[in-house]
Each structure stands twice: as C-alpha cells, then as structure tokens.
Amino acid sequence: MQNDTAPARVPTRQVLREMRPFSVLWIGQLVSGLGSGLTGFALPVWIYQQTGSAEAFGLLFFAATVPAVLMSPFAGALVDRWDRKWVLLASDGIAALMSIAIAALVFTDTFEIWHLFVISVLGSAVGTFADPAFTATMGLLVPRQHFTRASGLLHTSGAVVGILTPLVAGVLVSTIGLGGILLIDFVTFLVAVVTLATVHIPRPPPSGVARRPLLREAHDGWAFVRRHQGLFILMLYFPVVNLATQMANPLFSPMVLSFSTPAQLGLVVSVSSVGMLVGGVLLSAWGGPKRRVRGMVIGQVLGAMCLALIGLRPWLPLVAAGMFLSLLFMPTAQSCSQALWLSKTPPEMMGRVTAIRRMLALSTTPIAALACGPLAERVFNPLLLPGGALAGSVGRVLGVGPGRGIGLMYVLIAGFMLVMTGLLYAHPRVRRLEDEVPDAAPVRPAPEPVMPAPQTAAAGA
C-alpha cells in the first residue's frame, strides 16, 4: 500500500484556498496564545515576588500535569462523542472566565497562592479536552497532503509566542501589572472564540458502533494503536525520548549562567526561539518531506547532534548555535510525526488516540523534572569540578568547572536520543509504516455557502 498522498507540490494559490478554514482557526489560536504567553510570564514573576521560593513552581507544575495524565483517556473518548467545535468553544470560554476571575481577585487584592493552584488544576483539565479536540479538528479541516504544513504553522505560532511574550510582558508587568495582563488575556480568548465561531467544522462520519461505557470507548483508542505495531512503537518512542529532553530543558539556564550573565542568557533564548520560527515558516512553505517517517527520523537525528553542541564547550556562540539549530530541526521531526498520526487515525477515533498519545508523552515529564536537579547537583557536576573523577579525561574535552556536569548531561542526552532514534528506524514495522498502515478515509469540510455580493468572504468561512 504505497502512500503517495504526502505532500504533492501544488500552486500557492491552491494551498491558500485549501488551508483557509484552518488558517482562520490558527490566527485566533495565535492571538489567544499571545495572551496566554503574557500571563504565563507574569504569573511566575508574581509568585516569586510573593514567596521568593522555587518550591511553589514545582508544586504548580505537578498541579498542572497530574490532571492531564489522569484524565486524558476519558477526555479523548468524550471528545469523539461530542461536537469538536463546541468542545473548543467551551474550552476557550472557560479559560476566558478563569482569566477574568483571577483579574478580579488581583484588582480586589484578594488573590492568594492557593487560588493559583485551583486555577492550574482547572486549566489543566480544560487543556485535556482542548488539545485532542484541536488535533481532531485539524484532521477534519486540513487536506491530508497539507498535514505537515499545518503542523509547521503550529510551530510557527509557538515560536512567535516564545519570542514576543517575554519582551512585551517584561514591559507590561511594570506598567499595567498582573491584573492588566490578565484582562488582555481575557480579550485574546474572546478573539479565539469569535474566529472559531466563523469556521465550519464537519463532524466525522458515525462509526456504526453503538455507544458503550466510556471506559470501553477510551480503550478503543489504545486497541487501534496496538493493532498497528509501527504506530505502537512510534507512540512509545516519544515518551522515552521526552524523559531525556525534559531533563535538559530546566538545566539550560543554570548551565549558561555558570559562564555568562543573565543578559547573555536572554539573548541566547531569543536567538533560539528565532530558530523555531524559521523552522516552522520554512516547513509551512515547503509542505514537508514526502516520506514522513524518514523526515521525522532525520529531524530527530539532526536535532540531537545540535543538542550535543550545547554541552560541548562553555562558549556562548557555540551554545547559541546549538540551541538555534536544534529548534530549527524540531518542527520537521514533530510535524512529520503529527502528519503520520493524522493520516492513519480514523477521524471518529482521533480524540481518543490523541489523548492517549498526550497522556503517555506527559507521563515521563514529572519524572524528568524531579530527577534533573539531583542528578546535576549530586552526580554530574562533582565529576567535572577541579579534582573530580572525570576532570582529567572528559574534562579535557568539555572543560572543568561549574556547570560542566550539566554540559556532560547534554552530550549524554543527545547520545541517548541518537541511539533511541536509530533503534526506532531499525525496526521494519516503523520503516514501512507508511506503506503497511492504510490511510484513514478523509473527511472533507462541507462546501462553503455562496454569499451575496455585499458579504465578505470571511463571513462564510
């Protein structure tokens, strides 16, 4: 079953026309993401000003992660039962209400830390429904030859948020404060609701199976993946790799600060975000490789090699280049994987399969967050301090001193990613996944109504 649907080269005007409904939805989510990014920057500042403790950040992380892991399978089954458009509208509406509720507490000087824990749990629960619904909606709105392109757009919006929000929020925190930022966040959620309301989202065809208990329906998503060994191995690959990469992410700042200044760290972070932006834009314009498994593997390999550069030497240009290039290749790897799942998963089961993938991907993140600090401080950093066990061997390459143990962790994490990616591609079921697993039957959006001349084109989107 040769898959020849991955992306054909088509005229730009045709691409824009075929991507138009998703593009409207994407613009609304981009605006909403900018508002959420401002809040995501301002709230940690407020927490630190109130508590001066890093422990609160870790507790908030768990409050935001645990509901997502526990609720994902059931949320996916419900998303497949319900109208995806209404799930997204309800999610954005609830998020907007949460923003305005926090703003009211801030303006009345009654906002306390425990309120934030409650909001984090609720926000995580809402996201557990919203993420599978959005992925399922993308599969309904986007023609399959543009799946990789659409995923590239999502990486582009993430990069835009990552670049702009720290710069803008840093100014707004000192001018309009947390309450003003929350009001902006509320307005951006309303923009997302309005754009979503203008988009026609088709419902998937009925599965022909009578409705059963929720737990049985949630299990159907797992059963579908288990029937296809290539998809099952791919689903297990990312949680394993995430266990390593999520150890690296929290340690980036302390490693860079061990030989540079906070201002230089900020510059490196900004340059890195530009790498993801460039990668997302290029992927959206290109449409991605025809063979998506190969594209995913090449993206992962190149990203891992660049990740090793970050820890190789305490030299800021090398670290910046490594992070920039690593994020440059990340959209290709992740978008090719997303396009594979969108192509192979039946639309009526997309919510359940996406939720299971999300649950497994998140399941290793708390472990990584708990382990990275002790491993860095108690195991790896002492090895590369002057007189350390590896100072005279590995230290000759990576350097000796504060933060060099984290550099060693980066190199080992990159090596682990290369080994796991090599094992993944060595499996014949994964290599031949695109040929052996049939594409799901596509669902095309209903034709847009022809509007009278005085109406704008957007009104019928």
Foldseek 3Di string as FASTA:
>chain_A
DFDQLAADDDDPVVQCVLCVLVVLLLVLVLLLLLLVLLLVVQVVVVVCVVPVDPVLVLVLVCLQQVLLLVCQLLLLLVCLVDDLLVLQLVLLVVVLVLLLVQLVCVVVVNDDSVSSSVSSNVNSNSVSNNVLSVLLQCLFRHDLNQLLLSLLSVLLSVLVSQQPNVVVSVVCCVPVNSSVSSVSSSVSSVSSSVSSVLRFGDRADDPPDDDDDSVVSSVVLVVVQVVQVLSVLVLLLQLVLLLQVLLLVVLLVQLLVQQDPPVLVVVLSNLLSVLSNQLSVVCNVVSADRQLLVQLLVLLLQLLVLLLQLLFENDSVSNSRSSSRNSNSVSRNVSSVSSLLSFQDASSSSSSNVSVSSSSNSVSNSVSVVPNVCCQPPPQLQQQAVVHVCVVPSCVGRNGDPSSSSSVSSNVSSVVSNVSSVVSCPDPSNVCVSPPRHTHDGHYGDDFDDDPPVDDPSNRD
